[in-house]
């Protein structure tokens, strides 16, 4: 049963969306509307600095006394919207509450920028950040929705590049991966993509409408959609860090999280799974408003900080 706050947040979303689940808007209109929203104030003791990470704009949040490491956060937004500024609700919260500082990036967006611009920016920014970070071995990759997919894809890409690069050029691997309400495949549909359309206030039927075409173009070779960097469900996670997976039973991407967790556990990979009831897609980015989001993040960092990780 969702909390009263989660129910109220869902009702607020319904009114804001207006046209019902799956309403398709022009990406530029979404970006302009979101950019006009006032950012939350900085929590006490948290400072913000803007960075340029190999051409990728980023925000860095730091709090005195945070010694556990860094969260490298990748925002969602269907690959066509979202920004570091729009995710301050979670990045500032993490910095204020869990002993980790946080860096959040702005990668290039579709449809103006087709794949692989998004993962290229994530890789470039991560490489640049690890080069200047004093403790690169304590970086947590985290993201929600499309950003959750990019976090998984980035980890798989780092592994691939590590196998190709000489030792002197190897990039440090992350300490852990946190996948929040993520898309994990562009190559197939799961039952929840249809069954949860009426429950998913944010995504509705957009998954079934082929959102990948906006990202990859109309003429993409279908085999590319099975590439593990494009669809991280198909990746080999051997040698990668532990993975924390979170979702809600009311989102169309519910089965994505379930299938990824099932695959990791069957392979003997260290993983944890958290499912909340009745919350909206990507509820985790609002820990200051939704108790379930705060609970999920608490579980995620308990998993990350456990001796086994």
Foldseek 3Di string as FASTA:
>chain_A
DFDPLLVVVLVVLCVVVVVFAADDDDLVVVAVVLVPDDFDDAPPQKDWDWDQQPNWIKIKIAGPQQDQEEEEEEEDDLQRHDARRSLCLAQSCCRVPQSHIYMYTDFDGWDVDAPPSRLVSVLSRQQSVQVPDPCQAAYEYEYFAQSLLSSLLNQLVLVVVQVVDPPVSRGHAYQEYERALYQQFLQDADPLLPVLLNLAGYNRNVSVVRSNCRRHNDPDDSVVRLPCSNRVLNGDCVPHHEYEYEYEPNHSSVVVRVSSVVVCVVVVGHYHYYYHYSGHGPPLSNVVRGVVNVVSVVVVSCSSPDPVD
